[in-house]
Protein backbone atom coordinates (compact mmCIF):
# COMPACT_ATOMS: atom_id res chain seq x y z
CA MET A 1 102.93 153.86 232.33
CA VAL A 2 100.54 155.33 234.89
CA ARG A 3 99.38 152.93 237.62
CA ARG A 4 96.91 153.31 240.47
CA LEU A 5 99.64 154.05 243.01
CA ASN A 6 102.35 155.75 240.94
CA ILE A 7 104.08 155.91 237.58
CA ASP A 8 106.38 153.10 236.47
CA GLY A 9 109.89 153.80 237.69
CA ASP A 10 108.69 156.02 240.50
CA GLY A 11 108.12 155.29 244.16
CA GLN A 12 107.78 157.05 247.50
CA GLY A 13 110.44 156.72 250.15
CA ASP A 14 108.19 157.71 253.08
CA LEU A 15 104.88 155.92 252.68
CA ALA A 16 103.63 157.25 256.03
CA GLY A 17 103.39 160.77 254.61
CA HIS A 18 103.43 160.25 250.85
CA GLY A 19 101.87 158.07 248.20
CA GLY A 20 98.62 156.12 248.13
CA GLU A 21 95.86 156.22 245.54
CA GLN A 22 94.86 159.80 246.42
CA ARG A 23 98.43 161.05 245.90
CA ALA A 24 99.53 158.86 243.02
CA VAL A 25 100.79 161.74 240.86
CA LEU A 26 102.11 165.20 241.79
CA VAL A 27 101.68 168.01 239.25
CA TYR A 28 103.66 171.27 239.14
CA GLN A 29 103.47 174.09 236.62
CA ILE A 30 106.09 175.77 234.43
CA ASP A 31 104.73 179.16 235.54
CA SER A 32 105.59 178.25 239.15
CA TYR A 33 109.15 177.46 238.12
CA ARG A 34 109.36 180.91 236.55
CA HIS A 35 108.04 182.45 239.78
CA TRP A 36 110.75 180.78 241.84
CA GLN A 37 113.45 181.66 239.31
CA GLN A 38 112.57 185.32 239.74
CA HIS A 39 111.99 185.28 243.51
CA LEU A 40 115.09 183.27 244.40
CA GLY A 41 117.29 184.72 241.69
CA ARG A 42 118.23 181.30 240.35
CA ASP A 43 118.45 179.88 236.85
CA ASP A 44 119.62 176.35 237.66
CA PHE A 45 116.26 174.63 238.07
CA GLY A 46 115.44 171.51 236.08
CA TYR A 47 112.04 169.90 235.78
CA GLY A 48 111.28 167.49 238.60
CA GLN A 49 113.27 169.36 241.25
CA PHE A 50 110.12 170.31 243.14
CA GLY A 51 109.28 166.63 243.50
CA GLU A 52 106.60 166.52 240.82
CA ASN A 53 105.91 163.61 238.50
CA LEU A 54 104.38 165.81 235.80
CA THR A 55 105.56 169.28 234.79
CA VAL A 56 102.78 171.01 232.87
CA ASP A 57 102.17 174.12 230.81
CA GLY A 58 98.89 175.55 232.08
CA MET A 59 96.65 174.06 234.81
CA ALA A 60 97.14 176.98 237.22
CA ASP A 61 96.29 176.33 240.87
CA ASP A 62 93.63 179.07 240.88
CA GLU A 63 91.87 177.53 237.87
CA VAL A 64 92.04 173.80 238.57
CA CYS A 65 89.42 172.62 241.09
CA ILE A 66 89.26 169.65 243.41
CA GLY A 67 87.42 166.86 241.61
CA ASP A 68 88.28 168.06 238.10
CA ARG A 69 89.21 165.24 235.74
CA TYR A 70 91.75 165.34 232.93
CA ARG A 71 92.80 162.96 230.20
CA ILE A 72 96.51 162.79 229.35
CA GLY A 73 97.48 160.27 226.71
CA GLU A 74 95.76 156.99 227.55
CA ALA A 75 95.30 157.82 231.24
CA GLU A 76 92.61 159.78 233.06
CA PHE A 77 93.18 161.57 236.36
CA GLU A 78 91.17 163.30 239.09
CA VAL A 79 92.50 166.21 241.15
CA THR A 80 92.40 165.29 244.84
CA GLN A 81 94.23 167.91 246.95
CA PRO A 82 96.98 170.54 247.03
CA ARG A 83 100.56 169.47 247.63
CA VAL A 84 101.38 168.62 251.23
CA THR A 85 104.61 170.55 251.65
CA CYS A 86 107.54 168.46 252.87
CA TYR A 87 110.86 169.72 254.24
CA ARG A 88 112.70 167.52 251.74
CA VAL A 89 111.95 169.87 248.84
CA GLY A 90 113.93 172.59 250.65
CA LEU A 91 116.85 170.25 251.29
CA ARG A 92 116.87 169.08 247.68
CA LEU A 93 117.08 172.64 246.37
CA GLY A 94 119.39 173.99 249.07
CA GLU A 95 116.64 176.37 250.26
CA PRO A 96 115.65 175.40 253.83
CA ARG A 97 112.94 178.11 253.93
CA LEU A 98 111.28 176.82 250.78
CA PRO A 99 108.53 174.77 252.51
CA ALA A 100 107.33 177.92 254.27
CA LEU A 101 107.64 179.92 251.04
CA LEU A 102 105.53 177.39 249.16
CA VAL A 103 102.72 178.09 251.63
CA SER A 104 103.08 181.88 251.84
CA HIS A 105 103.63 182.42 248.09
CA HIS A 106 100.77 180.07 247.30
CA PRO A 107 101.87 178.04 244.25
CA PRO A 108 101.48 174.59 245.79
CA GLY A 109 100.83 172.29 242.82
CA PHE A 110 98.47 169.40 243.38
CA TYR A 111 97.99 165.64 243.57
CA MET A 112 95.87 163.52 241.27
CA ARG A 113 94.60 159.97 241.46
CA ALA A 114 94.58 157.70 238.42
CA ILE A 115 91.04 156.92 237.29
CA THR A 116 92.23 155.01 234.23
CA GLU A 117 95.71 153.53 233.89
CA GLY A 118 97.61 154.08 230.65
CA HIS A 119 100.66 155.36 228.83
CA ILE A 120 101.59 159.06 228.82
CA GLN A 121 104.49 160.93 227.26
CA PRO A 122 105.88 164.48 227.02
CA GLY A 123 103.86 166.64 224.64
CA ASP A 124 100.57 164.88 225.34
CA ALA A 125 97.52 167.15 225.39
CA ILE A 126 95.79 167.68 228.73
CA VAL A 127 92.04 167.53 228.12
CA LYS A 128 89.53 168.42 230.82
CA THR A 129 86.82 165.75 230.90
CA ARG A 130 84.80 166.76 233.98
CA THR A 131 84.41 169.68 236.38
CA GLY A 132 84.54 168.85 240.06
CA PRO A 133 81.60 169.61 242.39
CA GLY A 134 81.72 172.84 244.40
CA ALA A 135 84.17 174.73 242.18
CA LEU A 136 86.73 174.88 245.00
CA SER A 137 90.09 175.59 243.40
CA VAL A 138 93.40 174.09 244.44
CA ALA A 139 94.60 177.54 245.51
CA ASP A 140 91.51 178.16 247.67
CA THR A 141 91.80 174.71 249.24
CA ASP A 142 95.46 175.34 250.05
CA ALA A 143 94.52 178.67 251.67
CA LEU A 144 91.82 177.00 253.76
CA LEU A 145 94.35 174.50 255.03
CA TYR A 146 97.35 176.71 255.68
CA LEU A 147 96.65 180.46 255.58
CA PRO A 148 95.13 182.12 258.67
CA GLY A 149 91.94 184.14 258.27
CA ARG A 150 90.91 182.56 254.98
CA ARG A 151 88.64 179.76 256.17
CA ARG A 152 85.43 181.54 257.13
CA ARG A 153 85.59 184.04 254.24
CA ARG A 154 86.09 181.29 251.64
CA LEU A 155 83.46 178.96 253.07
CA LEU A 156 80.87 181.75 253.03
CA ARG A 157 81.66 182.71 249.44
CA PRO A 158 79.20 181.26 246.87
CA PRO A 159 80.65 178.89 244.26
CA ARG A 160 82.13 180.61 241.24
CA PRO A 161 80.21 180.16 237.98
CA ALA A 162 82.13 178.57 235.15
CA GLN A 163 83.80 181.23 233.05
CA GLN A 164 85.59 181.27 229.75
CA ARG A 165 88.96 182.94 230.05
CA ALA A 166 90.47 184.89 227.20
CA PRO A 167 93.42 183.14 225.52
CA ARG A 168 96.87 184.28 226.59
CA PRO A 169 98.69 186.60 224.15
CA PRO A 170 101.38 184.94 222.05
CA PRO A 171 104.90 184.97 223.54
CA PRO A 172 107.37 187.61 222.32
CA ALA A 173 109.68 186.78 219.45
CA GLY A 174 113.15 185.50 220.22
CA PRO A 175 114.49 182.99 222.74
CA ASP A 176 112.41 182.36 225.84
CA PRO A 177 114.32 183.79 228.86
CA ALA A 178 112.48 181.35 231.13
CA ARG A 179 113.82 178.27 229.37
CA LEU A 180 114.79 175.78 232.03
CA PRO A 181 117.86 173.52 231.94
CA GLY A 182 117.25 169.84 231.44
CA HIS A 183 114.60 170.17 228.74
CA PRO A 184 115.35 169.76 225.02
CA HIS A 185 113.28 172.75 223.92
CA PRO A 186 111.59 175.78 225.50
CA ALA A 187 107.98 175.69 226.58
CA ARG A 188 105.85 176.67 223.60
CA ARG A 189 102.22 177.76 223.57
CA ARG A 190 99.86 176.78 220.79
CA GLN A 191 96.64 178.54 219.85
CA PRO A 192 93.56 176.57 220.93
CA ALA A 193 92.29 174.27 218.20
CA THR A 194 89.81 171.50 217.76
CA SER A 195 91.60 169.63 214.98
CA LEU A 196 94.52 167.24 215.25
CA GLY A 197 97.90 168.85 215.81
CA ARG A 198 101.21 167.32 214.84
CA LEU A 199 101.36 165.09 217.89
CA THR A 200 98.41 165.92 220.14
CA ILE A 201 94.98 167.49 220.22
CA PRO A 202 95.33 170.86 222.00
CA ALA A 203 93.20 170.98 225.14
CA LEU A 204 90.49 173.59 225.37
CA THR A 205 90.53 174.31 229.11
CA GLY A 206 89.03 177.71 229.83
CA GLY A 207 90.26 179.06 226.51
CA ARG A 208 93.83 177.94 227.14
CA THR A 209 95.99 175.13 225.84
CA SER A 210 97.47 172.85 228.48
CA ARG A 211 100.13 170.31 227.68
CA LEU A 212 102.33 167.85 229.49
CA ARG A 213 105.86 169.16 229.21
CA ARG A 214 107.78 166.42 230.96
CA ARG A 215 107.22 163.27 232.96
CA CYS A 216 109.65 163.31 235.86
CA ARG A 217 110.78 160.64 238.23
CA ALA A 218 110.16 161.98 241.69
CA PRO A 219 113.28 161.75 243.87
CA GLY A 220 113.18 160.24 247.34
């Protein structure tokens, strides 16, 4: 059950630097897990290890914009800001340099606030309900905050017009080499559709299907 401040069963250990309505839920993407698997040469990651509440398929940081709203299950959320990197994620994963790598490699993930409380579950569709003003993506916002030399160039750039992205090609046949431990089945992609699926309505977000893969209990 999603609440205004968190998800039932979750809590923040350091309320001075975490939590609050603007940081009620942290989202991280399966593609980012695959990036870190390759870069760090590890295959022992399980969903939730980067501190996120929701692990999602889709919703890339360079596509999601501040102020965008999404419906997942019964709940509706609004994107508020990129992740504020904390040293604890490096300690948790045994990679002390990871906080710096999250900034330099630029897959931060992002926070959302709960506009409407409600139940969510793995496999729920992620449906975009509103585009945020200014078209400033999570990735661009993260660069403005943390990467030198990006502020003036990005602020002078005109807003990007909304574009339809081509659907991703289907995955190759055979087992998915990026399957992560701790999940009962590999991440699957479904062709965009407007009719009811078996469990959810696939989300048409820029020509791509986004789905909630797992709800995680954030440690700490």
